[in-house]
Protein backbone atom coordinates (compact mmCIF):
# COMPACT_ATOMS: atom_id res chain seq x y z
CA MET A 1 217.59 214.41 125.15
CA ALA A 2 214.01 214.33 126.72
CA ASP A 3 212.67 214.79 123.34
CA GLU A 4 214.81 211.81 121.15
CA ASN A 5 213.30 209.21 124.23
CA GLN A 6 209.70 209.82 123.96
CA MET A 7 210.18 209.58 120.05
CA GLU A 8 211.73 206.13 120.29
CA VAL A 9 208.85 204.84 122.29
CA GLN A 10 205.90 206.01 120.50
CA PRO A 11 204.60 203.13 118.56
CA PRO A 12 203.20 204.10 115.10
CA ALA A 13 199.39 205.60 115.04
CA ASN A 14 198.36 203.98 111.32
CA LYS A 15 199.51 200.18 112.09
CA VAL A 16 196.60 198.03 112.69
CA SER A 17 196.42 194.84 114.54
CA SER A 18 195.65 191.72 112.15
CA ALA A 19 193.10 190.32 114.80
CA LYS A 20 191.05 193.22 114.20
CA ASN A 21 191.10 193.57 110.49
CA PRO A 22 187.30 192.05 109.33
CA LEU A 23 188.49 191.87 105.56
CA LEU A 24 190.76 189.03 106.72
CA THR A 25 188.18 187.52 107.93
CA ILE A 26 185.88 187.80 105.68
CA LEU A 27 188.16 186.28 102.79
CA VAL A 28 189.20 183.46 105.16
CA VAL A 29 185.43 182.22 105.31
CA ILE A 30 184.66 183.11 102.02
CA ASN A 31 188.38 181.20 100.97
CA THR A 32 186.51 178.05 103.11
CA ALA A 33 183.20 177.97 101.20
CA VAL A 34 184.67 178.11 98.06
CA MET A 35 186.99 175.17 98.60
CA GLY A 36 183.86 173.25 100.52
CA ALA A 37 182.01 173.67 96.85
CA VAL A 38 184.64 172.87 94.95
CA ALA A 39 185.73 169.39 97.61
CA TYR A 40 181.75 168.61 97.21
CA PHE A 41 181.31 168.78 92.95
CA GLN A 42 184.32 167.50 92.86
CA PHE A 43 183.01 163.86 95.41
CA MET A 44 179.81 164.19 93.24
CA SER A 45 181.68 163.84 90.09
CA HIS A 46 183.70 161.00 91.91
CA GLN A 47 180.25 159.40 92.88
CA LYS A 48 178.61 159.35 89.23
CA LEU A 49 182.32 157.95 87.56
CA ALA A 50 181.97 154.66 89.98
CA GLN A 51 178.51 154.49 88.41
CA THR A 52 178.84 154.05 85.20
CA PRO A 53 179.87 150.48 84.14
CA SER A 54 182.96 149.20 83.24
CA ILE A 55 183.60 147.51 80.18
CA SER A 56 183.53 143.87 81.21
CA ASP A 57 179.72 145.36 82.34
CA VAL A 58 179.10 145.94 78.93
CA VAL A 59 180.27 142.99 77.46
CA LYS A 60 178.49 140.76 79.87
CA ALA A 61 175.35 142.61 79.18
CA GLU A 62 176.15 142.14 75.46
CA MET A 63 177.42 138.53 75.18
CA LYS A 64 174.03 137.98 77.35
CA LYS A 65 171.67 139.65 74.87
CA VAL A 66 173.59 137.77 71.94
CA SER A 67 173.09 134.51 73.35
CA GLY A 68 169.68 135.07 75.16
CA GLU A 69 171.05 133.42 78.46
CA GLU A 70 169.55 134.64 81.67
CA GLY A 71 172.54 133.02 83.52
CA GLU A 72 175.85 134.46 84.44
CA VAL A 73 178.59 134.99 81.72
CA GLU A 74 181.84 134.50 82.51
CA LEU A 75 184.49 136.76 81.44
CA THR A 76 187.77 134.97 81.10
CA GLY A 77 190.86 136.47 79.89
CA GLU A 78 192.28 133.14 77.71
CA ALA A 79 190.56 132.24 74.89
CA ARG A 80 188.88 129.67 73.86
CA ILE A 81 190.46 127.31 70.61
CA ASP A 82 186.88 126.63 69.62
CA ASP A 83 186.12 130.35 69.83
CA GLY A 84 187.04 130.59 65.98
CA LYS A 85 189.43 130.56 63.08
CA LEU A 86 192.70 132.72 62.91
CA PHE A 87 193.40 133.81 58.92
CA PRO A 88 196.61 135.09 59.13
CA LEU A 89 197.21 138.12 56.28
CA GLU A 90 200.28 139.09 54.65
CA GLY A 91 202.04 142.06 56.24
CA PHE A 92 200.65 146.04 54.59
CA THR A 93 202.43 148.93 53.68
CA ALA A 94 200.07 151.96 53.12
CA ASN A 95 200.55 155.73 52.73
CA LEU A 96 198.61 157.50 55.21
CA ALA A 97 196.62 160.73 55.10
CA GLN A 98 198.93 163.59 54.21
CA GLY A 99 198.90 166.37 56.88
CA ASP A 100 201.16 169.35 57.46
CA GLY A 101 204.18 167.66 57.68
CA PRO A 102 206.10 164.56 55.91
CA ARG A 103 204.62 161.92 53.94
CA ARG A 104 204.47 158.81 56.42
CA PHE A 105 203.18 155.72 56.14
CA VAL A 106 202.19 152.22 58.41
CA ARG A 107 203.38 148.83 58.25
CA LEU A 108 201.13 146.03 59.66
CA ASN A 109 200.85 142.77 59.51
CA THR A 110 197.52 141.53 61.11
CA VAL A 111 195.41 138.39 62.12
CA LEU A 112 191.91 137.90 61.83
CA LYS A 113 189.82 135.99 63.94
CA PHE A 114 186.54 134.47 61.92
CA SER A 115 183.40 133.04 63.81
CA LYS A 116 183.79 129.01 64.05
CA GLU A 117 180.87 129.04 61.45
CA SER A 118 182.18 130.71 58.67
CA ASN A 119 183.40 129.12 55.59
CA GLU A 120 187.39 129.23 55.14
CA GLU A 121 186.91 129.11 51.40
CA GLU A 122 185.26 132.56 51.28
CA PHE A 123 188.16 133.89 53.02
CA LYS A 124 190.40 132.47 50.85
CA ARG A 125 188.25 133.90 47.76
CA ARG A 126 187.99 137.90 49.16
CA LYS A 127 191.63 137.96 50.58
CA ALA A 128 192.23 140.50 47.76
CA GLN A 129 189.10 142.24 49.01
CA ILE A 130 189.69 141.91 52.49
CA ARG A 131 193.43 143.15 51.84
CA ASP A 132 191.54 145.73 50.07
CA SER A 133 189.54 147.19 52.43
CA ILE A 134 192.19 147.31 55.29
CA ILE A 135 194.09 149.62 52.66
CA THR A 136 191.36 151.67 52.08
CA THR A 137 190.54 152.82 55.84
CA LEU A 138 194.20 152.88 56.73
CA ASN A 139 194.62 155.54 53.63
CA GLY A 140 191.89 157.86 55.92
CA LYS A 141 194.00 157.81 59.07
CA ARG A 142 196.58 160.28 60.02
CA PRO A 143 199.29 159.53 62.20
CA GLU A 144 198.17 161.09 64.95
CA ASP A 145 194.95 158.53 64.92
CA LEU A 146 196.71 155.80 65.00
CA LEU A 147 199.65 156.75 67.43
CA SER A 148 196.79 157.00 70.83
CA VAL A 149 196.05 153.18 72.13
CA GLN A 150 192.55 154.32 71.17
CA GLY A 151 193.15 154.74 67.57
CA LYS A 152 194.55 151.25 66.77
CA SER A 153 191.55 150.28 69.27
CA PHE A 154 189.05 152.30 67.06
CA LEU A 155 190.99 151.23 63.86
CA LYS A 156 190.25 147.60 64.70
CA GLU A 157 186.41 148.34 65.05
CA GLU A 158 186.80 149.68 61.30
CA ILE A 159 188.42 147.27 60.17
CA LYS A 160 185.80 144.87 61.33
CA ALA A 161 183.03 146.54 59.91
CA ALA A 162 184.67 146.95 56.46
CA ILE A 163 185.52 143.38 56.49
CA ASN A 164 181.97 141.80 57.45
CA ALA A 165 180.03 144.33 55.50
CA PHE A 166 180.55 142.58 52.03
CA LEU A 167 181.21 138.69 53.61
CA VAL A 168 178.32 136.43 53.68
CA ASP A 169 179.10 132.96 55.43
CA GLY A 170 180.11 134.06 59.12
CA ALA A 171 181.73 137.24 60.45
CA VAL A 172 185.07 139.13 61.45
CA ILE A 173 185.33 138.58 65.47
CA ASP A 174 188.81 140.15 66.16
CA VAL A 175 191.69 141.74 64.62
CA PHE A 176 195.34 141.13 66.13
CA TYR A 177 197.89 142.96 65.20
CA VAL A 178 200.64 141.64 65.26
CA SER A 179 202.97 143.99 64.61
CA PHE A 180 202.33 147.82 63.76
CA GLN A 181 205.25 150.54 62.57
CA ILE A 182 204.39 154.04 61.85
CA ASN A 183 207.53 155.92 59.88
C-alpha cells in the first residue's frame, strides 16, 4: 500500500513549465516584430495613396492648362446650358468580340455633347461616319470589357477619340449613355 501512495504523488519528470520555455518567448518576439513591420508598411502605403492627386484635382489642373487662367477653377456637378450642344443618336445594336461563350451583343443609346463652337451641320453630314466609328469601336470589345464601370468610362473615351479624329469644326466633349444593355 505504501508503494501505491508514492506513485500517485510524484509528478511526471518530463513536463516543462511554459514560463521556462525559451522557444515560446522567441516566437512571440518574432511575431511581434513581423506584425510591427506589416503595420509600418501598411501605414506607408496609405500615406503614399493619400498624396496622390484625386480626379477632381487632375481635372482642375487640366482646365487651368486649357483655359490659361491663373485663378482657382471651380468644379460644380451641374452642367451649364452654354457648355455645348447635345446631339442624340439613334440606338445601336452591335455584335461584341467573340469569346469562348455564345455570341453576345450590345444595345446602346447615346447622346453626344459637342463644344459650343461646333458646327451642327457637320455633325448631321457626318452622322453615318459617327455611327460607323461607334459600331467599329463596340465590335472590338468583349462583354467582360464593358461590364465594369471603368470599362464603360474607357469606352466613352474611345468613342470621343474616334469621333474627334475626323471632325474639322468642333469636338466631342462628352458621351452620355441613355441606355446600355449587354445580351
